Amino acid sequence: MKTALALLALLTAAVHAEIPKPDRVLKLWDGKPPGEFTVPGPETLTPSKPTDKLPIARLTNIAEPRLEFYFPTAEKKNGAAVVIVPGGGFGMLASEHEGSDLALWFRERGFAAAVLQHRCPTNKLAKPWELPAWDTQRAISIVRAKAADLGVQPDRIGLFGFSAGGQVSLIAATNDDARLYPAADATDKVSCRPDFLMLCYAWHILANNSLTELKPEIHITAKTPPTFLAQAYDDPASLSEGSALAFLALRKAKVSAELHIYSTGGHGFGMRANETQAPGDFPGRLELWLKARRLMAK
């Protein structure tokens, strides 16, 4: 069994040695994005290698945030879209196993999937989540504003966040009444509220030194979109209490939600198979949830 899993890991790493090229790229802003931000060097992608124990591609020094789209075939197209926010602790973006891998999964199921390459690194800023959350809200508005051009329906736009991207996605989605950044143009007059929200091992969504309160920037209300949450109990980087509290807040607000906390799985598994149950199970649970919400054909 272990030999088979080891072979699967090597094959997976080899297949993902290069991030697949997107079908289309859209910059979030034509000019300089709002906010003060400089990168320490040129944009850098460090690809995964077959010999890596945990093959992860790392992208950093992103000054111009963008959406990288992967479109389904006409036969599979279902009219829905999803914006994917990778994790990476705000120091880099894990844009392969928490980005393009998931985009290809969604594309196979008929979604127009876009990986958000938001501004990075922001981990040294006072509010590391802030500029990425601005970029996320802008990304949802752009997809909705360009829905006809992108071949999607403006009321079927979802948001998926892994790890730090989960924190960003939850903040962005629960602050849509008062956009987090000053409106720049007509696109910012278009709603930035996603129609459905998905979070996988959302990172540090608990308030500091608390196991009973969410971060103060998170404002779950009755207008928060239906939400899917997945996490591992043994996650050493992001306590599962965060996902549990988010679920309870959603339930209190009477927002439809689904929560999966797996006994094992750790942190950062993304779409990669390993010896734990969480990576192998959560995409299947997610697919059933999407079908239940009529975002996919049953």
Protein backbone atom coordinates (compact mmCIF):
# COMPACT_ATOMS: atom_id res chain seq x y z
CA MET A 1 0.00 0.00 0.00
CA LYS A 2 2.76 2.44 0.98
CA THR A 3 4.65 1.58 -2.21
CA ALA A 4 1.58 2.36 -4.29
CA LEU A 5 1.04 5.67 -2.48
CA ALA A 6 4.69 6.61 -2.96
CA LEU A 7 4.40 5.86 -6.68
CA LEU A 8 1.20 7.93 -6.87
CA ALA A 9 2.96 10.85 -5.18
CA LEU A 10 5.85 10.70 -7.66
CA LEU A 11 3.48 10.49 -10.62
CA THR A 12 1.46 13.41 -9.28
CA ALA A 13 4.61 15.48 -8.85
CA ALA A 14 5.76 14.66 -12.37
CA VAL A 15 2.40 15.58 -13.88
CA HIS A 16 2.42 18.90 -12.03
CA ALA A 17 6.02 19.83 -12.76
CA GLU A 18 4.70 22.85 -14.66
CA ILE A 19 1.63 24.93 -13.96
CA PRO A 20 -0.71 24.61 -16.96
CA LYS A 21 -1.10 27.75 -19.04
CA PRO A 22 -4.45 29.51 -18.54
CA ASP A 23 -6.86 30.08 -21.40
CA ARG A 24 -7.14 33.78 -20.62
CA VAL A 25 -5.59 36.33 -18.24
CA LEU A 26 -7.35 39.46 -16.97
CA LYS A 27 -5.58 42.19 -14.98
CA LEU A 28 -7.64 43.45 -12.07
CA TRP A 29 -6.82 47.09 -12.73
CA ASP A 30 -5.71 48.83 -15.93
CA GLY A 31 -3.49 51.20 -13.97
CA LYS A 32 -1.92 51.10 -10.53
CA PRO A 33 -4.01 49.13 -8.02
CA PRO A 34 -5.26 51.10 -5.00
CA GLY A 35 -3.09 51.03 -1.90
CA GLU A 36 0.61 51.41 -1.29
CA PHE A 37 2.54 48.28 -2.19
CA THR A 38 5.98 47.47 -3.53
CA VAL A 39 7.58 44.09 -4.15
CA PRO A 40 11.15 43.25 -3.12
CA GLY A 41 12.11 41.90 -6.54
CA PRO A 42 10.85 40.54 -9.87
CA GLU A 43 7.91 38.13 -9.95
CA THR A 44 9.30 34.67 -9.31
CA LEU A 45 7.85 31.20 -9.82
CA THR A 46 9.65 28.29 -8.20
CA PRO A 47 8.12 25.18 -9.80
CA SER A 48 7.61 21.90 -8.01
CA LYS A 49 9.96 19.01 -8.74
CA PRO A 50 9.33 15.25 -8.83
CA THR A 51 11.92 14.84 -6.07
CA ASP A 52 10.16 17.21 -3.64
CA LYS A 53 8.75 15.52 -0.55
CA LEU A 54 5.72 17.79 -0.89
CA PRO A 55 5.65 19.14 -4.46
CA ILE A 56 4.47 22.73 -4.27
CA ALA A 57 5.02 25.49 -6.81
CA ARG A 58 5.64 28.88 -5.19
CA LEU A 59 4.80 32.23 -6.79
CA THR A 60 5.79 35.54 -5.21
CA ASN A 61 6.56 39.22 -5.84
CA ILE A 62 3.22 39.86 -7.54
CA ALA A 63 2.78 43.59 -8.13
CA GLU A 64 0.00 43.40 -10.74
CA PRO A 65 -2.85 41.17 -9.50
CA ARG A 66 -4.65 39.14 -12.16
CA LEU A 67 -7.15 36.39 -12.86
CA GLU A 68 -6.00 33.31 -14.78
CA PHE A 69 -8.98 31.57 -16.39
CA TYR A 70 -9.52 27.94 -17.35
CA PHE A 71 -12.66 27.47 -19.46
CA PRO A 72 -14.73 24.31 -19.92
CA THR A 73 -15.71 22.91 -23.30
CA ALA A 74 -19.03 24.00 -24.76
CA GLU A 75 -20.44 20.53 -24.04
CA LYS A 76 -19.60 20.70 -20.32
CA LYS A 77 -20.25 24.39 -19.69
CA ASN A 78 -22.79 24.95 -16.89
CA GLY A 79 -22.82 28.76 -16.75
CA ALA A 80 -21.17 28.98 -13.32
CA ALA A 81 -17.81 30.51 -12.43
CA VAL A 82 -15.48 30.26 -9.46
CA VAL A 83 -12.60 32.46 -8.31
CA ILE A 84 -9.89 30.48 -6.50
CA VAL A 85 -7.62 32.15 -3.92
CA PRO A 86 -4.51 30.03 -3.17
CA GLY A 87 -2.84 29.92 0.22
CA GLY A 88 0.78 30.57 1.07
CA GLY A 89 0.85 32.45 4.35
CA PHE A 90 0.87 35.80 2.51
CA GLY A 91 4.55 35.31 1.72
CA MET A 92 3.92 33.44 -1.52
CA LEU A 93 1.06 31.79 -3.42
CA ALA A 94 0.77 28.01 -3.71
CA SER A 95 -0.79 28.58 -7.12
CA GLU A 96 -0.49 25.01 -8.36
CA HIS A 97 -1.87 22.49 -5.86
CA GLU A 98 -4.11 25.19 -4.34
CA GLY A 99 -4.77 26.99 -7.61
CA SER A 100 -4.54 25.52 -11.10
CA ASP A 101 -5.12 21.95 -9.85
CA LEU A 102 -8.49 22.99 -8.43
CA ALA A 103 -9.24 25.14 -11.49
CA LEU A 104 -8.82 22.07 -13.71
CA TRP A 105 -11.08 20.10 -11.35
CA PHE A 106 -13.77 22.77 -11.67
CA ARG A 107 -13.26 23.10 -15.43
CA GLU A 108 -13.85 19.37 -15.86
CA ARG A 109 -17.19 19.88 -14.11
CA GLY A 110 -18.32 22.72 -16.36
CA PHE A 111 -17.20 25.79 -14.39
CA ALA A 112 -15.24 28.73 -15.73
CA ALA A 113 -12.47 28.68 -13.11
CA ALA A 114 -10.12 31.57 -12.42
CA VAL A 115 -7.07 31.50 -10.15
CA LEU A 116 -6.50 34.84 -8.43
CA GLN A 117 -2.84 35.81 -8.31
CA HIS A 118 -3.23 38.58 -5.74
CA ARG A 119 -0.58 40.99 -4.53
CA CYS A 120 2.18 39.20 -2.67
CA PRO A 121 4.15 39.16 -0.38
CA THR A 122 2.06 41.04 2.15
CA ASN A 123 3.16 39.06 5.22
CA LYS A 124 5.24 41.97 6.54
CA LEU A 125 2.35 44.45 6.43
CA ALA A 126 0.32 45.38 9.50
CA LYS A 127 -2.75 43.79 7.90
CA PRO A 128 -1.42 40.99 5.64
CA TRP A 129 -4.97 40.10 4.52
CA GLU A 130 -5.97 43.62 3.45
CA LEU A 131 -4.62 44.02 -0.09
CA PRO A 132 -5.39 40.38 -1.00
CA ALA A 133 -8.99 40.94 0.21
CA TRP A 134 -9.21 44.08 -1.93
CA ASP A 135 -8.00 42.06 -4.91
CA THR A 136 -10.54 39.33 -4.14
CA GLN A 137 -13.47 41.71 -4.01
CA ARG A 138 -12.32 43.30 -7.25
CA ALA A 139 -12.00 39.85 -8.85
CA ILE A 140 -15.62 38.95 -8.06
CA SER A 141 -16.81 42.30 -9.43
CA ILE A 142 -14.82 41.83 -12.64
CA VAL A 143 -16.20 38.33 -13.27
CA ARG A 144 -19.73 39.60 -12.67
CA ALA A 145 -19.22 42.71 -14.81
CA LYS A 146 -17.81 40.61 -17.66
CA ALA A 147 -20.18 37.67 -17.19
CA ALA A 148 -21.56 37.76 -20.73
CA ASP A 149 -18.09 37.97 -22.25
CA LEU A 150 -16.87 35.12 -20.04
CA GLY A 151 -19.89 32.96 -20.85
CA VAL A 152 -21.19 32.75 -17.28
CA GLN A 153 -24.30 33.84 -15.40
CA PRO A 154 -23.83 36.82 -13.05
CA ASP A 155 -25.74 35.08 -10.24
CA ARG A 156 -23.63 31.89 -10.34
CA ILE A 157 -20.22 33.16 -9.25
CA GLY A 158 -18.44 31.38 -6.42
CA LEU A 159 -15.34 31.97 -4.31
CA PHE A 160 -12.97 29.28 -3.04
CA GLY A 161 -10.10 29.93 -0.61
CA PHE A 162 -7.35 27.65 0.65
CA SER A 163 -5.46 28.43 3.87
CA ALA A 164 -4.50 32.15 3.90
CA GLY A 165 -6.69 32.42 0.81
CA GLY A 166 -9.52 31.06 2.96
CA GLN A 167 -9.02 33.85 5.48
CA VAL A 168 -8.97 36.38 2.64
CA SER A 169 -12.07 34.89 1.01
CA LEU A 170 -14.07 34.89 4.24
CA ILE A 171 -13.17 38.52 4.99
CA ALA A 172 -13.88 39.61 1.41
CA ALA A 173 -17.23 37.78 1.29
CA THR A 174 -18.45 39.11 4.64
CA ASN A 175 -17.61 42.77 3.94
CA ASP A 176 -19.45 43.19 0.67
CA ASP A 177 -21.90 45.82 1.97
CA ALA A 178 -19.07 48.31 2.46
CA ARG A 179 -16.35 47.53 -0.07
CA LEU A 180 -12.97 47.35 1.66
CA TYR A 181 -11.21 49.71 -0.77
CA PRO A 182 -12.20 53.03 -2.38
CA ALA A 183 -14.17 52.54 -5.60
CA ALA A 184 -11.93 53.15 -8.62
CA ASP A 185 -14.24 52.86 -11.63
CA ALA A 186 -17.53 51.48 -12.95
CA THR A 187 -16.47 47.90 -12.20
CA ASP A 188 -16.46 48.70 -8.50
CA LYS A 189 -20.15 49.58 -8.71
CA VAL A 190 -20.85 45.93 -9.52
CA SER A 191 -21.51 43.67 -6.52
CA CYS A 192 -18.47 41.89 -5.06
CA ARG A 193 -20.60 39.39 -3.13
CA PRO A 194 -20.01 35.79 -4.24
CA ASP A 195 -23.10 33.63 -4.73
CA PHE A 196 -21.49 30.67 -2.97
CA LEU A 197 -18.41 30.36 -0.77
CA MET A 198 -15.99 27.46 -0.20
CA LEU A 199 -13.20 27.38 2.39
CA CYS A 200 -10.58 24.68 2.88
CA TYR A 201 -8.45 24.82 6.06
CA ALA A 202 -8.95 28.59 6.32
CA TRP A 203 -5.86 29.96 8.08
CA HIS A 204 -6.00 32.03 11.28
CA ILE A 205 -9.65 33.03 11.17
CA LEU A 206 -9.80 33.00 14.97
CA ALA A 207 -9.27 36.22 16.89
CA ASN A 208 -5.86 36.46 18.55
CA ASN A 209 -5.50 34.16 21.58
CA SER A 210 -9.11 33.02 21.27
CA LEU A 211 -10.82 29.72 20.67
CA THR A 212 -14.29 31.23 20.94
CA GLU A 213 -14.24 34.28 18.63
CA LEU A 214 -13.57 34.86 14.94
CA LYS A 215 -11.32 37.65 13.68
CA PRO A 216 -13.04 41.04 14.05
CA GLU A 217 -12.77 41.61 10.29
CA ILE A 218 -15.16 38.69 9.69
CA HIS A 219 -18.83 39.75 9.69
CA ILE A 220 -21.10 36.77 9.08
CA THR A 221 -24.72 37.85 8.61
CA ALA A 222 -27.89 36.57 6.98
CA LYS A 223 -26.55 37.93 3.67
CA THR A 224 -23.40 35.80 3.75
CA PRO A 225 -23.53 33.33 0.84
CA PRO A 226 -24.09 29.58 1.34
CA THR A 227 -20.80 28.12 2.53
CA PHE A 228 -18.86 24.86 2.35
CA LEU A 229 -16.04 24.29 4.88
CA ALA A 230 -13.45 21.53 5.07
CA GLN A 231 -10.61 21.09 7.55
CA ALA A 232 -8.51 18.46 9.33
CA TYR A 233 -8.67 18.06 13.11
CA ASP A 234 -4.89 17.53 13.25
CA ASP A 235 -4.10 20.69 11.26
CA PRO A 236 -1.06 22.17 13.06
CA ALA A 237 -1.20 25.53 11.27
CA SER A 238 -4.88 26.46 11.52
CA LEU A 239 -7.03 25.21 14.36
CA SER A 240 -10.23 23.46 13.38
CA GLU A 241 -12.07 25.52 15.98
CA GLY A 242 -12.00 28.32 13.41
CA SER A 243 -14.02 26.36 10.86
CA ALA A 244 -16.35 25.13 13.61
CA LEU A 245 -16.99 28.68 14.86
CA ALA A 246 -17.58 29.93 11.32
CA PHE A 247 -20.12 27.14 10.82
CA LEU A 248 -21.90 28.03 14.07
CA ALA A 249 -21.99 31.71 13.09
CA LEU A 250 -23.46 30.78 9.72
CA ARG A 251 -26.07 28.61 11.40
CA LYS A 252 -26.96 31.40 13.83
CA ALA A 253 -27.40 33.75 10.86
CA LYS A 254 -29.58 31.09 9.16
CA VAL A 255 -27.13 30.73 6.26
CA SER A 256 -27.00 27.30 4.63
CA ALA A 257 -23.64 25.71 5.44
CA GLU A 258 -21.86 22.37 5.33
CA LEU A 259 -18.85 21.48 7.51
CA HIS A 260 -16.40 18.57 7.26
CA ILE A 261 -13.71 18.14 9.91
CA TYR A 262 -11.56 15.09 9.19
CA SER A 263 -9.62 13.38 11.95
CA THR A 264 -6.42 13.44 9.88
CA GLY A 265 -5.14 15.44 6.95
CA GLY A 266 -2.86 18.11 8.37
CA HIS A 267 -2.51 21.43 6.59
CA GLY A 268 -1.84 22.37 2.99
CA PHE A 269 -2.89 19.18 1.22
CA GLY A 270 -4.72 21.07 -1.52
CA MET A 271 -5.76 18.71 -4.29
CA ARG A 272 -2.89 16.26 -3.72
CA ALA A 273 -3.48 12.67 -2.68
CA ASN A 274 -1.57 11.32 0.32
CA GLU A 275 -2.05 8.79 3.09
CA THR A 276 -4.68 10.82 4.96
CA GLN A 277 -8.41 10.75 4.40
CA ALA A 278 -9.07 14.47 3.91
CA PRO A 279 -7.44 15.06 0.51
CA GLY A 280 -9.11 12.01 -0.96
CA ASP A 281 -12.56 12.79 0.40
CA PHE A 282 -13.24 16.53 0.39
CA PRO A 283 -13.51 17.04 -3.41
CA GLY A 284 -16.23 14.39 -3.48
CA ARG A 285 -18.10 16.11 -0.62
CA LEU A 286 -17.69 19.42 -2.45
CA GLU A 287 -19.09 17.96 -5.65
CA LEU A 288 -22.18 16.67 -3.85
CA TRP A 289 -22.64 20.09 -2.22
CA LEU A 290 -22.43 21.83 -5.60
CA LYS A 291 -24.97 19.42 -7.04
CA ALA A 292 -27.30 19.99 -4.09
CA ARG A 293 -27.11 23.71 -4.79
CA ARG A 294 -27.94 23.01 -8.46
CA LEU A 295 -24.62 24.40 -9.61
CA MET A 296 -23.91 21.07 -11.29
CA ALA A 297 -26.12 18.50 -12.96
CA LYS A 298 -26.87 15.49 -10.77
